[in-house]
């Protein structure tokens, strides 16, 4: 039983580290938050969502050649 628990704990630690790394990477992509080491996760998600919407809207307004 201990082996299963240790394995589960190790997997959970890895999952949390991956999540933290992903938030750090996302924070660096959002210019407004780049370098802000203390930005809350909810703020990172909110600003990234705003940025994605802006990029989507900009893409729809770019005239296609031809």
PDB file of N, CA and C in Angstrom:
ATOM      1  N   UNK A   1       0.814  -1.191   0.000  1.00  0.00           N
ATOM      2  CA  UNK A   1       0.000   0.000   0.000  1.00  0.00           C
ATOM      3  C   UNK A   1       0.864   1.263   0.000  1.00  0.00           C
ATOM      4  N   UNK A   2       1.986   1.227   0.750  1.00  0.00           N
ATOM      5  CA  UNK A   2       2.864   2.393   0.814  1.00  0.00           C
ATOM      6  C   UNK A   2       3.454   2.736  -0.543  1.00  0.00           C
ATOM      7  N   UNK A   3       3.760   1.713  -1.322  1.00  0.00           N
ATOM      8  CA  UNK A   3       4.322   1.938  -2.649  1.00  0.00           C
ATOM      9  C   UNK A   3       3.352   2.685  -3.547  1.00  0.00           C
ATOM     10  N   UNK A   4       2.096   2.319  -3.478  1.00  0.00           N
ATOM     11  CA  UNK A   4       1.074   2.993  -4.285  1.00  0.00           C
ATOM     12  C   UNK A   4       0.922   4.445  -3.855  1.00  0.00           C
ATOM     13  N   UNK A   5       0.958   4.672  -2.544  1.00  0.00           N
ATOM     14  CA  UNK A   5       0.818   6.040  -2.033  1.00  0.00           C
ATOM     15  C   UNK A   5       2.015   6.896  -2.452  1.00  0.00           C
ATOM     16  N   UNK A   6       3.220   6.337  -2.340  1.00  0.00           N
ATOM     17  CA  UNK A   6       4.417   7.076  -2.749  1.00  0.00           C
ATOM     18  C   UNK A   6       4.359   7.412  -4.234  1.00  0.00           C
ATOM     19  N   UNK A   7       3.941   6.439  -5.022  1.00  0.00           N
ATOM     20  CA  UNK A   7       3.825   6.664  -6.460  1.00  0.00           C
ATOM     21  C   UNK A   7       2.789   7.751  -6.743  1.00  0.00           C
ATOM     22  N   UNK A   8       1.655   7.678  -6.083  1.00  0.00           N
ATOM     23  CA  UNK A   8       0.607   8.684  -6.271  1.00  0.00           C
ATOM     24  C   UNK A   8       1.122  10.070  -5.873  1.00  0.00           C
ATOM     25  N   UNK A   9       1.816  10.155  -4.739  1.00  0.00           N
ATOM     26  CA  UNK A   9       2.360  11.436  -4.288  1.00  0.00           C
ATOM     27  C   UNK A   9       3.366  11.998  -5.290  1.00  0.00           C
ATOM     28  N   UNK A  10       4.198  11.128  -5.842  1.00  0.00           N
ATOM     29  CA  UNK A  10       5.183  11.570  -6.828  1.00  0.00           C
ATOM     30  C   UNK A  10       4.485  12.080  -8.084  1.00  0.00           C
ATOM     31  N   UNK A  11       3.465  11.370  -8.529  1.00  0.00           N
ATOM     32  CA  UNK A  11       2.711  11.811  -9.706  1.00  0.00           C
ATOM     33  C   UNK A  11       2.018  13.145  -9.449  1.00  0.00           C
ATOM     34  N   UNK A  12       1.471  13.309  -8.265  1.00  0.00           N
ATOM     35  CA  UNK A  12       0.796  14.562  -7.916  1.00  0.00           C
ATOM     36  C   UNK A  12       1.798  15.717  -7.858  1.00  0.00           C
ATOM     37  N   UNK A  13       2.986  15.489  -7.299  1.00  0.00           N
ATOM     38  CA  UNK A  13       4.028  16.524  -7.279  1.00  0.00           C
ATOM     39  C   UNK A  13       4.409  16.927  -8.699  1.00  0.00           C
ATOM     40  N   UNK A  14       4.569  15.941  -9.571  1.00  0.00           N
ATOM     41  CA  UNK A  14       4.915  16.216 -10.967  1.00  0.00           C
ATOM     42  C   UNK A  14       3.804  17.014 -11.646  1.00  0.00           C
ATOM     43  N   UNK A  15       2.558  16.657 -11.382  1.00  0.00           N
ATOM     44  CA  UNK A  15       1.424  17.378 -11.965  1.00  0.00           C
ATOM     45  C   UNK A  15       1.419  18.836 -11.509  1.00  0.00           C
ATOM     46  N   UNK A  16       1.658  19.065 -10.211  1.00  0.00           N
ATOM     47  CA  UNK A  16       1.681  20.433  -9.682  1.00  0.00           C
ATOM     48  C   UNK A  16       2.841  21.235 -10.266  1.00  0.00           C
ATOM     49  N   UNK A  17       3.996  20.605 -10.417  1.00  0.00           N
ATOM     50  CA  UNK A  17       5.147  21.289 -11.015  1.00  0.00           C
ATOM     51  C   UNK A  17       4.864  21.653 -12.471  1.00  0.00           C
ATOM     52  N   UNK A  18       4.247  20.733 -13.211  1.00  0.00           N
ATOM     53  CA  UNK A  18       3.888  21.018 -14.601  1.00  0.00           C
ATOM     54  C   UNK A  18       2.911  22.183 -14.683  1.00  0.00           C
ATOM     55  N   UNK A  19       1.960  22.213 -13.787  1.00  0.00           N
ATOM     56  CA  UNK A  19       0.980  23.295 -13.755  1.00  0.00           C
ATOM     57  C   UNK A  19       1.664  24.628 -13.439  1.00  0.00           C
ATOM     58  N   UNK A  20       2.560  24.627 -12.460  1.00  0.00           N
ATOM     59  CA  UNK A  20       3.288  25.855 -12.109  1.00  0.00           C
ATOM     60  C   UNK A  20       4.139  26.337 -13.280  1.00  0.00           C
ATOM     61  N   UNK A  21       4.805  25.400 -13.958  1.00  0.00           N
ATOM     62  CA  UNK A  21       5.630  25.758 -15.109  1.00  0.00           C
ATOM     63  C   UNK A  21       4.774  26.352 -16.224  1.00  0.00           C
ATOM     64  N   UNK A  22       3.612  25.771 -16.444  1.00  0.00           N
ATOM     65  CA  UNK A  22       2.718  26.275 -17.483  1.00  0.00           C
ATOM     66  C   UNK A  22       2.230  27.684 -17.168  1.00  0.00           C
ATOM     67  N   UNK A  23       1.916  27.954 -15.918  1.00  0.00           N
ATOM     68  CA  UNK A  23       1.501  29.299 -15.534  1.00  0.00           C
ATOM     69  C   UNK A  23       2.649  30.289 -15.704  1.00  0.00           C
ATOM     70  N   UNK A  24       3.880  29.887 -15.348  1.00  0.00           N
ATOM     71  CA  UNK A  24       5.035  30.773 -15.538  1.00  0.00           C
ATOM     72  C   UNK A  24       5.218  31.104 -17.016  1.00  0.00           C
ATOM     73  N   UNK A  25       5.115  30.089 -17.877  1.00  0.00           N
ATOM     74  CA  UNK A  25       5.278  30.305 -19.314  1.00  0.00           C
ATOM     75  C   UNK A  25       4.174  31.202 -19.858  1.00  0.00           C
ATOM     76  N   UNK A  26       2.952  30.976 -19.436  1.00  0.00           N
ATOM     77  CA  UNK A  26       1.830  31.789 -19.895  1.00  0.00           C
ATOM     78  C   UNK A  26       1.996  33.231 -19.432  1.00  0.00           C
ATOM     79  N   UNK A  27       2.443  33.420 -18.197  1.00  0.00           N
ATOM     80  CA  UNK A  27       2.655  34.769 -17.662  1.00  0.00           C
ATOM     81  C   UNK A  27       3.685  35.518 -18.506  1.00  0.00           C
ATOM     82  N   UNK A  28       4.723  34.835 -18.968  1.00  0.00           N
ATOM     83  CA  UNK A  28       5.758  35.495 -19.763  1.00  0.00           C
ATOM     84  C   UNK A  28       5.263  35.869 -21.160  1.00  0.00           C
ATOM     85  N   UNK A  29       4.276  35.167 -21.677  1.00  0.00           N
ATOM     86  CA  UNK A  29       3.728  35.464 -22.997  1.00  0.00           C
ATOM     87  C   UNK A  29       2.860  36.718 -22.958  1.00  0.00           C
ATOM     88  N   UNK A  30       2.220  36.963 -21.831  1.00  0.00           N
ATOM     89  CA  UNK A  30       1.350  38.132 -21.683  1.00  0.00           C
ATOM     90  C   UNK A  30       2.234  39.313 -21.282  1.00  0.00           C
ATOM     91  N   UNK A  31       2.460  40.238 -22.226  1.00  0.00           N
ATOM     92  CA  UNK A  31       3.382  41.352 -21.986  1.00  0.00           C
ATOM     93  C   UNK A  31       3.066  42.106 -20.702  1.00  0.00           C
ATOM     94  N   UNK A  32       1.804  42.310 -20.432  1.00  0.00           N
ATOM     95  CA  UNK A  32       1.376  43.069 -19.260  1.00  0.00           C
ATOM     96  C   UNK A  32       1.824  42.410 -17.946  1.00  0.00           C
ATOM     97  N   UNK A  33       2.041  41.102 -17.970  1.00  0.00           N
ATOM     98  CA  UNK A  33       2.395  40.369 -16.754  1.00  0.00           C
ATOM     99  C   UNK A  33       3.833  39.861 -16.744  1.00  0.00           C
ATOM    100  N   UNK A  34       4.521  39.971 -17.864  1.00  0.00           N
ATOM    101  CA  UNK A  34       5.890  39.451 -17.949  1.00  0.00           C
ATOM    102  C   UNK A  34       6.746  40.085 -16.862  1.00  0.00           C
ATOM    103  N   UNK A  35       7.422  39.268 -16.110  1.00  0.00           N
ATOM    104  CA  UNK A  35       8.276  39.755 -15.042  1.00  0.00           C
ATOM    105  C   UNK A  35       7.566  39.944 -13.715  1.00  0.00           C
ATOM    106  N   UNK A  36       6.250  39.848 -13.703  1.00  0.00           N
ATOM    107  CA  UNK A  36       5.490  39.982 -12.455  1.00  0.00           C
ATOM    108  C   UNK A  36       5.400  38.607 -11.804  1.00  0.00           C
ATOM    109  N   UNK A  37       6.353  38.316 -10.960  1.00  0.00           N
ATOM    110  CA  UNK A  37       6.445  36.994 -10.340  1.00  0.00           C
ATOM    111  C   UNK A  37       5.292  36.709  -9.383  1.00  0.00           C
ATOM    112  N   UNK A  38       4.583  37.747  -8.946  1.00  0.00           N
ATOM    113  CA  UNK A  38       3.541  37.565  -7.945  1.00  0.00           C
ATOM    114  C   UNK A  38       2.129  37.613  -8.538  1.00  0.00           C
ATOM    115  N   UNK A  39       2.010  37.584  -9.854  1.00  0.00           N
ATOM    116  CA  UNK A  39       0.691  37.622 -10.481  1.00  0.00           C
ATOM    117  C   UNK A  39      -0.107  36.377 -10.091  1.00  0.00           C
ATOM    118  N   UNK A  40      -1.341  36.595  -9.670  1.00  0.00           N
ATOM    119  CA  UNK A  40      -2.214  35.486  -9.278  1.00  0.00           C
ATOM    120  C   UNK A  40      -2.596  34.660 -10.506  1.00  0.00           C
ATOM    121  N   UNK A  41      -2.827  33.391 -10.285  1.00  0.00           N
ATOM    122  CA  UNK A  41      -3.187  32.495 -11.385  1.00  0.00           C
ATOM    123  C   UNK A  41      -4.446  32.967 -12.095  1.00  0.00           C
ATOM    124  N   UNK A  42      -5.430  33.433 -11.335  1.00  0.00           N
ATOM    125  CA  UNK A  42      -6.670  33.894 -11.953  1.00  0.00           C
ATOM    126  C   UNK A  42      -6.407  35.120 -12.828  1.00  0.00           C
ATOM    127  N   UNK A  43      -5.482  35.991 -12.410  1.00  0.00           N
ATOM    128  CA  UNK A  43      -5.130  37.161 -13.213  1.00  0.00           C
ATOM    129  C   UNK A  43      -4.420  36.730 -14.493  1.00  0.00           C
ATOM    130  N   UNK A  44      -3.533  35.759 -14.383  1.00  0.00           N
ATOM    131  CA  UNK A  44      -2.834  35.244 -15.564  1.00  0.00           C
ATOM    132  C   UNK A  44      -3.844  34.696 -16.564  1.00  0.00           C
ATOM    133  N   UNK A  45      -4.795  33.908 -16.089  1.00  0.00           N
ATOM    134  CA  UNK A  45      -5.812  33.347 -16.983  1.00  0.00           C
ATOM    135  C   UNK A  45      -6.679  34.440 -17.594  1.00  0.00           C
ATOM    136  N   UNK A  46      -7.058  35.415 -16.788  1.00  0.00           N
ATOM    137  CA  UNK A  46      -7.909  36.508 -17.272  1.00  0.00           C
ATOM    138  C   UNK A  46      -7.193  37.304 -18.367  1.00  0.00           C
ATOM    139  N   UNK A  47      -5.952  37.700 -18.114  1.00  0.00           N
ATOM    140  CA  UNK A  47      -5.199  38.498 -19.090  1.00  0.00           C
ATOM    141  C   UNK A  47      -4.879  37.686 -20.344  1.00  0.00           C
ATOM    142  N   UNK A  48      -4.589  36.406 -20.195  1.00  0.00           N
ATOM    143  CA  UNK A  48      -4.316  35.559 -21.358  1.00  0.00           C
ATOM    144  C   UNK A  48      -5.570  35.402 -22.210  1.00  0.00           C
ATOM    145  N   UNK A  49      -6.726  35.312 -21.562  1.00  0.00           N
ATOM    146  CA  UNK A  49      -7.995  35.220 -22.290  1.00  0.00           C
ATOM    147  C   UNK A  49      -8.256  36.505 -23.058  1.00  0.00           C
ATOM    148  N   UNK A  50      -7.997  37.650 -22.422  1.00  0.00           N
ATOM    149  CA  UNK A  50      -8.158  38.939 -23.102  1.00  0.00           C
ATOM    150  C   UNK A  50      -7.233  39.025 -24.312  1.00  0.00           C
ATOM    151  N   UNK A  51      -5.979  38.609 -24.141  1.00  0.00           N
ATOM    152  CA  UNK A  51      -5.015  38.645 -25.233  1.00  0.00           C
ATOM    153  C   UNK A  51      -5.456  37.744 -26.385  1.00  0.00           C
ATOM    154  N   UNK A  52      -5.942  36.557 -26.071  1.00  0.00           N
ATOM    155  CA  UNK A  52      -6.406  35.633 -27.112  1.00  0.00           C
ATOM    156  C   UNK A  52      -7.579  36.237 -27.879  1.00  0.00           C
ATOM    157  N   UNK A  53      -8.492  36.896 -27.176  1.00  0.00           N
ATOM    158  CA  UNK A  53      -9.640  37.528 -27.833  1.00  0.00           C
ATOM    159  C   UNK A  53      -9.175  38.667 -28.738  1.00  0.00           C
ATOM    160  N   UNK A  54      -8.212  39.463 -28.267  1.00  0.00           N
ATOM    161  CA  UNK A  54      -7.672  40.552 -29.091  1.00  0.00           C
ATOM    162  C   UNK A  54      -7.017  40.004 -30.350  1.00  0.00           C
ATOM    163  N   UNK A  55      -6.238  38.952 -30.205  1.00  0.00           N
ATOM    164  CA  UNK A  55      -5.575  38.347 -31.363  1.00  0.00           C
ATOM    165  C   UNK A  55      -6.594  37.784 -32.345  1.00  0.00           C
ATOM    166  N   UNK A  56      -7.631  37.154 -31.829  1.00  0.00           N
ATOM    167  CA  UNK A  56      -8.686  36.616 -32.686  1.00  0.00           C
ATOM    168  C   UNK A  56      -9.366  37.739 -33.461  1.00  0.00           C
ATOM    169  N   UNK A  57      -9.703  38.824 -32.773  1.00  0.00           N
ATOM    170  CA  UNK A  57     -10.377  39.949 -33.423  1.00  0.00           C
ATOM    171  C   UNK A  57      -9.473  40.609 -34.456  1.00  0.00           C
ATOM    172  N   UNK A  58      -8.185  40.735 -34.138  1.00  0.00           N
ATOM    173  CA  UNK A  58      -7.230  41.319 -35.075  1.00  0.00           C
ATOM    174  C   UNK A  58      -7.111  40.446 -36.315  1.00  0.00           C
ATOM    175  N   UNK A  59      -7.073  39.150 -36.126  1.00  0.00           N
ATOM    176  CA  UNK A  59      -6.955  38.216 -37.249  1.00  0.00           C
ATOM    177  C   UNK A  59      -8.143  38.345 -38.196  1.00  0.00           C
ATOM    178  N   UNK A  60      -9.320  38.561 -37.651  1.00  0.00           N
ATOM    179  CA  UNK A  60     -10.520  38.668 -38.482  1.00  0.00           C
ATOM    180  C   UNK A  60     -10.558  39.969 -39.276  1.00  0.00           C
ATOM    181  N   UNK A  61      -9.767  40.959 -38.887  1.00  0.00           N
ATOM    182  CA  UNK A  61      -9.779  42.246 -39.572  1.00  0.00           C
ATOM    183  C   UNK A  61      -8.614  42.424 -40.536  1.00  0.00           C
ATOM    184  N   UNK A  62      -7.767  41.420 -40.655  1.00  0.00           N
ATOM    185  CA  UNK A  62      -6.638  41.499 -41.583  1.00  0.00           C
ATOM    186  C   UNK A  62      -7.141  41.140 -42.978  1.00  0.00           C
ATOM    187  N   UNK A  63      -6.973  42.055 -43.943  1.00  0.00           N
ATOM    188  CA  UNK A  63      -7.424  41.740 -45.310  1.00  0.00           C
ATOM    189  C   UNK A  63      -6.551  40.652 -45.933  1.00  0.00           C
ATOM    190  N   UNK A  64      -7.185  39.743 -46.610  1.00  0.00           N
ATOM    191  CA  UNK A  64      -6.462  38.662 -47.279  1.00  0.00           C
ATOM    192  C   UNK A  64      -5.997  39.130 -48.651  1.00  0.00           C
ATOM    193  N   UNK A  65      -4.786  38.751 -49.053  1.00  0.00           N
ATOM    194  CA  UNK A  65      -4.300  39.141 -50.387  1.00  0.00           C
ATOM    195  C   UNK A  65      -5.086  38.413 -51.475  1.00  0.00           C
ATOM    196  N   UNK A  66      -5.209  39.093 -52.595  1.00  0.00           N
ATOM    197  CA  UNK A  66      -5.836  38.413 -53.713  1.00  0.00           C
ATOM    198  C   UNK A  66      -7.004  39.092 -54.163  1.00  0.00           C
TER     199      UNK A  66
END
